[in-house]
Amino acid sequence: WEVLIMGAHDTLYEGGFFKARLSFPKTYPIDPPTMVFTTKMYHPNVYPDGTVCISILHPPGDDKYGYEHASERWSPVHTVETILVSVISMLSSPNDESPANIEAAKEYREDYPQFKKKVAKLVRQSAEML
């Protein structure tokens, strides 16, 4: 599925239009889909290739590293709507303790003005691409 996420009000991503692709495995809904931003994204919980890394998209069951509770991970009761709501929430509240993009997480913690500047540039570019 192709989706479009609009940056939420009062977040750094406000005014942005971010395209993403949800890919569903043959084992869906037992296993989670993957979500990849196709619009350039700079965020601690998005890998540099655009792949979203949030608990709800991690395979069901216990986390082998003990970081996440099984209740935070994928469950067949989740829907595309719950995924999108989780991603919108992630954009407004990054988890820099478990980053997918180390550079973005480090900058978010140590040089927030520079992080904010990079995100603002992406927001402008995303709006121009529509």
N, C-alpha and C. Protein backbone atom coordinates (compact mmCIF):
# COMPACT_ATOMS: atom_id res chain seq x y z
N TRP A 1 0.84 -1.17 0.00
CA TRP A 1 0.00 0.00 0.00
C TRP A 1 0.88 1.23 0.00
N GLU A 2 0.45 2.24 -0.71
CA GLU A 2 1.10 3.54 -0.68
C GLU A 2 0.30 4.42 0.27
N VAL A 3 1.00 5.08 1.20
CA VAL A 3 0.32 5.96 2.16
C VAL A 3 0.99 7.32 2.16
N LEU A 4 0.25 8.31 2.61
CA LEU A 4 0.77 9.66 2.73
C LEU A 4 0.52 10.12 4.16
N ILE A 5 1.58 10.46 4.85
CA ILE A 5 1.47 10.95 6.23
C ILE A 5 1.76 12.43 6.21
N MET A 6 0.82 13.19 6.75
CA MET A 6 1.02 14.63 6.87
C MET A 6 1.57 14.90 8.26
N GLY A 7 2.61 15.74 8.31
CA GLY A 7 3.21 16.09 9.59
C GLY A 7 2.19 16.72 10.52
N ALA A 8 2.10 16.20 11.72
CA ALA A 8 1.09 16.64 12.68
C ALA A 8 1.37 18.06 13.19
N HIS A 9 0.30 18.74 13.54
CA HIS A 9 0.35 20.09 14.09
C HIS A 9 1.23 20.11 15.34
N ASP A 10 1.98 21.17 15.52
CA ASP A 10 2.85 21.36 16.68
C ASP A 10 3.96 20.32 16.80
N THR A 11 4.42 19.78 15.68
CA THR A 11 5.58 18.90 15.68
C THR A 11 6.60 19.49 14.69
N LEU A 12 7.81 19.00 14.73
CA LEU A 12 8.82 19.45 13.77
C LEU A 12 8.42 19.11 12.34
N TYR A 13 7.59 18.10 12.17
CA TYR A 13 7.21 17.62 10.84
C TYR A 13 5.94 18.29 10.30
N GLU A 14 5.39 19.25 11.05
CA GLU A 14 4.18 19.96 10.63
C GLU A 14 4.39 20.60 9.26
N GLY A 15 3.39 20.41 8.39
CA GLY A 15 3.44 20.98 7.06
C GLY A 15 4.08 20.06 6.03
N GLY A 16 4.65 18.95 6.49
CA GLY A 16 5.29 18.02 5.57
C GLY A 16 4.33 16.97 5.05
N PHE A 17 4.66 16.43 3.89
CA PHE A 17 3.89 15.37 3.26
C PHE A 17 4.86 14.24 2.95
N PHE A 18 4.73 13.15 3.70
CA PHE A 18 5.70 12.07 3.64
C PHE A 18 5.06 10.80 3.10
N LYS A 19 5.54 10.37 1.93
CA LYS A 19 5.02 9.16 1.31
C LYS A 19 5.75 7.95 1.90
N ALA A 20 4.99 6.86 2.02
CA ALA A 20 5.56 5.62 2.54
C ALA A 20 4.87 4.44 1.87
N ARG A 21 5.52 3.29 1.99
CA ARG A 21 4.97 2.06 1.42
C ARG A 21 4.85 1.02 2.53
N LEU A 22 3.68 0.45 2.64
CA LEU A 22 3.46 -0.68 3.55
C LEU A 22 3.48 -1.95 2.71
N SER A 23 4.33 -2.90 3.12
CA SER A 23 4.41 -4.18 2.41
C SER A 23 3.97 -5.29 3.36
N PHE A 24 3.02 -6.06 2.90
CA PHE A 24 2.42 -7.10 3.74
C PHE A 24 2.99 -8.47 3.36
N PRO A 25 3.52 -9.21 4.34
CA PRO A 25 4.02 -10.55 4.04
C PRO A 25 2.87 -11.52 3.79
N LYS A 26 3.17 -12.64 3.19
CA LYS A 26 2.14 -13.67 2.94
C LYS A 26 1.54 -14.16 4.25
N THR A 27 2.28 -14.03 5.34
CA THR A 27 1.82 -14.50 6.65
C THR A 27 1.04 -13.45 7.43
N TYR A 28 0.76 -12.30 6.78
CA TYR A 28 -0.06 -11.26 7.42
C TYR A 28 -1.47 -11.82 7.62
N PRO A 29 -2.14 -11.64 8.72
CA PRO A 29 -1.87 -10.72 9.84
C PRO A 29 -1.09 -11.35 11.01
N ILE A 30 -0.62 -12.57 10.85
CA ILE A 30 0.17 -13.18 11.92
C ILE A 30 1.47 -12.40 12.10
N ASP A 31 2.10 -12.03 11.00
CA ASP A 31 3.33 -11.25 11.03
C ASP A 31 3.07 -9.83 10.55
N PRO A 32 3.86 -8.87 11.03
CA PRO A 32 3.62 -7.47 10.70
C PRO A 32 4.07 -7.10 9.29
N PRO A 33 3.48 -6.05 8.76
CA PRO A 33 3.99 -5.49 7.51
C PRO A 33 5.28 -4.73 7.80
N THR A 34 5.96 -4.32 6.76
CA THR A 34 7.08 -3.39 6.90
C THR A 34 6.63 -2.05 6.34
N MET A 35 7.21 -1.00 6.87
CA MET A 35 6.87 0.34 6.40
C MET A 35 8.17 1.06 6.07
N VAL A 36 8.21 1.61 4.85
CA VAL A 36 9.39 2.33 4.39
C VAL A 36 8.94 3.68 3.84
N PHE A 37 9.54 4.75 4.37
CA PHE A 37 9.28 6.07 3.80
C PHE A 37 9.97 6.14 2.45
N THR A 38 9.22 6.58 1.44
CA THR A 38 9.80 6.77 0.12
C THR A 38 10.17 8.23 -0.09
N THR A 39 9.63 9.10 0.76
CA THR A 39 10.07 10.49 0.83
C THR A 39 11.22 10.52 1.83
N LYS A 40 12.23 11.30 1.56
CA LYS A 40 13.38 11.36 2.47
C LYS A 40 12.91 11.74 3.87
N MET A 41 13.45 11.00 4.87
CA MET A 41 13.04 11.19 6.26
C MET A 41 14.29 11.21 7.13
N TYR A 42 14.31 12.11 8.09
CA TYR A 42 15.41 12.19 9.07
C TYR A 42 14.78 12.12 10.45
N HIS A 43 14.98 10.99 11.10
CA HIS A 43 14.32 10.74 12.39
C HIS A 43 15.08 9.62 13.10
N PRO A 44 15.23 9.70 14.43
CA PRO A 44 15.94 8.65 15.15
C PRO A 44 15.40 7.24 14.96
N ASN A 45 14.10 7.11 14.69
CA ASN A 45 13.49 5.78 14.58
C ASN A 45 13.20 5.36 13.15
N VAL A 46 13.89 6.00 12.21
CA VAL A 46 13.77 5.64 10.79
C VAL A 46 15.18 5.41 10.26
N TYR A 47 15.44 4.19 9.78
CA TYR A 47 16.76 3.88 9.22
C TYR A 47 17.05 4.82 8.05
N PRO A 48 18.32 5.05 7.75
CA PRO A 48 18.67 5.92 6.61
C PRO A 48 18.02 5.51 5.29
N ASP A 49 17.67 4.21 5.12
CA ASP A 49 17.00 3.77 3.89
C ASP A 49 15.49 4.02 3.92
N GLY A 50 14.98 4.60 5.02
CA GLY A 50 13.56 4.92 5.13
C GLY A 50 12.74 3.91 5.90
N THR A 51 13.30 2.78 6.27
CA THR A 51 12.56 1.75 7.00
C THR A 51 12.22 2.23 8.40
N VAL A 52 10.94 2.10 8.76
CA VAL A 52 10.46 2.52 10.07
C VAL A 52 10.76 1.44 11.10
N CYS A 53 11.27 1.86 12.25
CA CYS A 53 11.59 0.93 13.33
C CYS A 53 10.82 1.35 14.58
N ILE A 54 9.67 0.74 14.76
CA ILE A 54 8.88 0.96 15.97
C ILE A 54 8.37 -0.39 16.45
N SER A 55 8.08 -0.45 17.73
CA SER A 55 7.70 -1.72 18.38
C SER A 55 6.54 -2.41 17.68
N ILE A 56 5.53 -1.66 17.31
CA ILE A 56 4.32 -2.25 16.73
C ILE A 56 4.62 -3.02 15.44
N LEU A 57 5.73 -2.70 14.77
CA LEU A 57 6.09 -3.39 13.53
C LEU A 57 7.14 -4.49 13.75
N HIS A 58 7.47 -4.76 15.01
CA HIS A 58 8.40 -5.85 15.30
C HIS A 58 7.63 -7.15 15.45
N PRO A 59 8.24 -8.27 15.07
CA PRO A 59 7.54 -9.56 15.13
C PRO A 59 6.94 -9.84 16.51
N PRO A 60 5.85 -10.58 16.54
CA PRO A 60 5.19 -10.86 17.82
C PRO A 60 6.07 -11.69 18.75
N GLY A 61 5.75 -11.63 20.01
CA GLY A 61 6.47 -12.44 21.00
C GLY A 61 7.47 -11.62 21.78
N ASP A 62 8.27 -12.33 22.55
CA ASP A 62 9.26 -11.68 23.40
C ASP A 62 10.42 -11.13 22.58
N ASP A 63 10.96 -10.01 23.03
CA ASP A 63 12.13 -9.39 22.43
C ASP A 63 13.37 -10.11 22.95
N LYS A 64 14.18 -10.65 22.04
CA LYS A 64 15.35 -11.41 22.48
C LYS A 64 16.37 -10.56 23.23
N TYR A 65 16.27 -9.23 23.09
CA TYR A 65 17.18 -8.33 23.81
C TYR A 65 16.58 -7.83 25.11
N GLY A 66 15.31 -8.13 25.35
CA GLY A 66 14.66 -7.73 26.59
C GLY A 66 14.28 -6.27 26.66
N TYR A 67 14.33 -5.56 25.52
CA TYR A 67 14.02 -4.13 25.53
C TYR A 67 12.51 -3.88 25.49
N GLU A 68 11.80 -4.66 24.70
CA GLU A 68 10.36 -4.46 24.52
C GLU A 68 9.58 -5.59 25.18
N HIS A 69 8.43 -5.24 25.70
CA HIS A 69 7.49 -6.24 26.20
C HIS A 69 6.73 -6.81 25.00
N ALA A 70 6.33 -8.06 25.09
CA ALA A 70 5.57 -8.68 24.00
C ALA A 70 4.31 -7.88 23.68
N SER A 71 3.72 -7.25 24.69
CA SER A 71 2.49 -6.47 24.48
C SER A 71 2.72 -5.22 23.63
N GLU A 72 3.97 -4.78 23.47
CA GLU A 72 4.29 -3.60 22.66
C GLU A 72 4.53 -3.96 21.20
N ARG A 73 4.72 -5.23 20.92
CA ARG A 73 5.09 -5.68 19.59
C ARG A 73 3.84 -6.03 18.76
N TRP A 74 4.07 -6.48 17.55
CA TRP A 74 2.98 -6.80 16.63
C TRP A 74 2.02 -7.82 17.21
N SER A 75 0.76 -7.60 16.93
CA SER A 75 -0.31 -8.54 17.25
C SER A 75 -1.29 -8.50 16.09
N PRO A 76 -1.90 -9.62 15.74
CA PRO A 76 -2.85 -9.63 14.62
C PRO A 76 -4.06 -8.71 14.82
N VAL A 77 -4.27 -8.20 16.02
CA VAL A 77 -5.39 -7.28 16.22
C VAL A 77 -5.07 -5.88 15.69
N HIS A 78 -3.79 -5.59 15.43
CA HIS A 78 -3.44 -4.27 14.89
C HIS A 78 -3.94 -4.14 13.46
N THR A 79 -4.17 -2.90 13.09
CA THR A 79 -4.67 -2.59 11.75
C THR A 79 -3.75 -1.56 11.11
N VAL A 80 -4.00 -1.26 9.85
CA VAL A 80 -3.25 -0.20 9.18
C VAL A 80 -3.45 1.11 9.95
N GLU A 81 -4.64 1.33 10.44
CA GLU A 81 -4.90 2.56 11.21
C GLU A 81 -4.02 2.63 12.46
N THR A 82 -3.90 1.54 13.20
CA THR A 82 -3.07 1.58 14.42
C THR A 82 -1.59 1.77 14.06
N ILE A 83 -1.17 1.22 12.93
CA ILE A 83 0.22 1.44 12.48
C ILE A 83 0.44 2.91 12.19
N LEU A 84 -0.45 3.51 11.41
CA LEU A 84 -0.29 4.91 11.02
C LEU A 84 -0.35 5.84 12.22
N VAL A 85 -1.25 5.57 13.16
CA VAL A 85 -1.32 6.38 14.37
C VAL A 85 -0.02 6.26 15.16
N SER A 86 0.54 5.07 15.22
CA SER A 86 1.81 4.86 15.93
C SER A 86 2.95 5.61 15.24
N VAL A 87 2.98 5.60 13.92
CA VAL A 87 4.04 6.30 13.19
C VAL A 87 3.90 7.82 13.38
N ILE A 88 2.69 8.32 13.33
CA ILE A 88 2.47 9.76 13.56
C ILE A 88 2.92 10.13 14.97
N SER A 89 2.62 9.30 15.94
CA SER A 89 3.06 9.52 17.31
C SER A 89 4.59 9.48 17.39
N MET A 90 5.21 8.53 16.70
CA MET A 90 6.66 8.41 16.68
C MET A 90 7.31 9.68 16.14
N LEU A 91 6.70 10.28 15.11
CA LEU A 91 7.27 11.50 14.55
C LEU A 91 7.29 12.63 15.57
N SER A 92 6.27 12.68 16.42
CA SER A 92 6.23 13.76 17.41
C SER A 92 7.03 13.45 18.66
N SER A 93 7.29 12.17 18.93
CA SER A 93 8.00 11.77 20.15
C SER A 93 9.03 10.69 19.83
N PRO A 94 10.19 11.07 19.32
CA PRO A 94 11.20 10.06 18.98
C PRO A 94 11.68 9.30 20.21
N ASN A 95 12.03 8.03 20.00
CA ASN A 95 12.65 7.22 21.04
C ASN A 95 14.14 7.17 20.71
N ASP A 96 14.89 8.08 21.31
CA ASP A 96 16.32 8.15 21.00
C ASP A 96 17.15 7.16 21.83
N GLU A 97 16.49 6.38 22.67
CA GLU A 97 17.20 5.35 23.45
C GLU A 97 17.37 4.06 22.66
N SER A 98 16.59 3.89 21.62
CA SER A 98 16.68 2.70 20.78
C SER A 98 16.62 3.14 19.31
N PRO A 99 17.67 3.85 18.86
CA PRO A 99 17.60 4.45 17.53
C PRO A 99 17.87 3.48 16.38
N ALA A 100 17.23 3.77 15.27
CA ALA A 100 17.52 3.09 14.01
C ALA A 100 18.53 3.93 13.23
N ASN A 101 18.46 5.23 13.40
CA ASN A 101 19.38 6.15 12.75
C ASN A 101 20.24 6.78 13.85
N ILE A 102 21.43 6.24 14.04
CA ILE A 102 22.31 6.68 15.12
C ILE A 102 22.67 8.16 14.98
N GLU A 103 22.96 8.59 13.76
CA GLU A 103 23.32 9.99 13.52
C GLU A 103 22.19 10.93 13.93
N ALA A 104 20.97 10.60 13.51
CA ALA A 104 19.82 11.45 13.85
C ALA A 104 19.58 11.47 15.36
N ALA A 105 19.72 10.32 16.01
CA ALA A 105 19.51 10.26 17.46
C ALA A 105 20.56 11.08 18.20
N LYS A 106 21.80 10.97 17.77
CA LYS A 106 22.89 11.72 18.41
C LYS A 106 22.67 13.21 18.24
N GLU A 107 22.30 13.62 17.03
CA GLU A 107 22.05 15.03 16.77
C GLU A 107 20.83 15.52 17.54
N TYR A 108 19.80 14.69 17.63
CA TYR A 108 18.59 15.04 18.39
C TYR A 108 18.94 15.34 19.85
N ARG A 109 19.85 14.53 20.42
CA ARG A 109 20.26 14.69 21.82
C ARG A 109 21.26 15.83 22.02
N GLU A 110 22.24 15.92 21.11
CA GLU A 110 23.39 16.79 21.36
C GLU A 110 23.38 18.11 20.61
N ASP A 111 22.63 18.20 19.53
CA ASP A 111 22.58 19.45 18.75
C ASP A 111 21.17 19.61 18.18
N TYR A 112 20.22 19.77 19.09
CA TYR A 112 18.81 19.84 18.69
C TYR A 112 18.55 20.93 17.64
N PRO A 113 19.15 22.13 17.76
CA PRO A 113 18.90 23.14 16.72
C PRO A 113 19.30 22.67 15.31
N GLN A 114 20.40 21.94 15.20
CA GLN A 114 20.81 21.41 13.90
C GLN A 114 19.84 20.32 13.41
N PHE A 115 19.41 19.46 14.33
CA PHE A 115 18.43 18.43 14.00
C PHE A 115 17.16 19.09 13.46
N LYS A 116 16.69 20.09 14.18
CA LYS A 116 15.47 20.82 13.80
C LYS A 116 15.62 21.46 12.42
N LYS A 117 16.80 22.00 12.13
CA LYS A 117 17.07 22.64 10.84
C LYS A 117 16.99 21.61 9.70
N LYS A 118 17.57 20.42 9.92
CA LYS A 118 17.53 19.37 8.90
C LYS A 118 16.10 18.91 8.64
N VAL A 119 15.31 18.76 9.70
CA VAL A 119 13.92 18.33 9.54
C VAL A 119 13.13 19.41 8.80
N ALA A 120 13.35 20.68 9.14
CA ALA A 120 12.63 21.78 8.48
C ALA A 120 12.91 21.76 6.97
N LYS A 121 14.14 21.48 6.60
CA LYS A 121 14.49 21.40 5.18
C LYS A 121 13.73 20.26 4.50
N LEU A 122 13.65 19.10 5.15
CA LEU A 122 12.92 17.97 4.59
C LEU A 122 11.42 18.27 4.46
N VAL A 123 10.88 18.97 5.45
CA VAL A 123 9.46 19.35 5.41
C VAL A 123 9.21 20.24 4.19
N ARG A 124 10.07 21.22 3.97
CA ARG A 124 9.92 22.12 2.80
C ARG A 124 10.02 21.32 1.50
N GLN A 125 11.02 20.44 1.42
CA GLN A 125 11.20 19.64 0.20
C GLN A 125 10.00 18.73 -0.05
N SER A 126 9.45 18.15 1.01
CA SER A 126 8.31 17.24 0.84
C SER A 126 7.09 17.98 0.30
N ALA A 127 6.89 19.21 0.77
CA ALA A 127 5.74 20.00 0.33
C ALA A 127 5.91 20.42 -1.15
N GLU A 128 7.15 20.67 -1.56
CA GLU A 128 7.41 21.07 -2.93
C GLU A 128 7.24 19.91 -3.91
N MET A 129 7.39 18.69 -3.44
CA MET A 129 7.33 17.52 -4.32
C MET A 129 5.91 17.09 -4.65
N LEU A 130 4.93 17.63 -3.96
CA LEU A 130 3.54 17.20 -4.23
C LEU A 130 3.01 17.77 -5.50
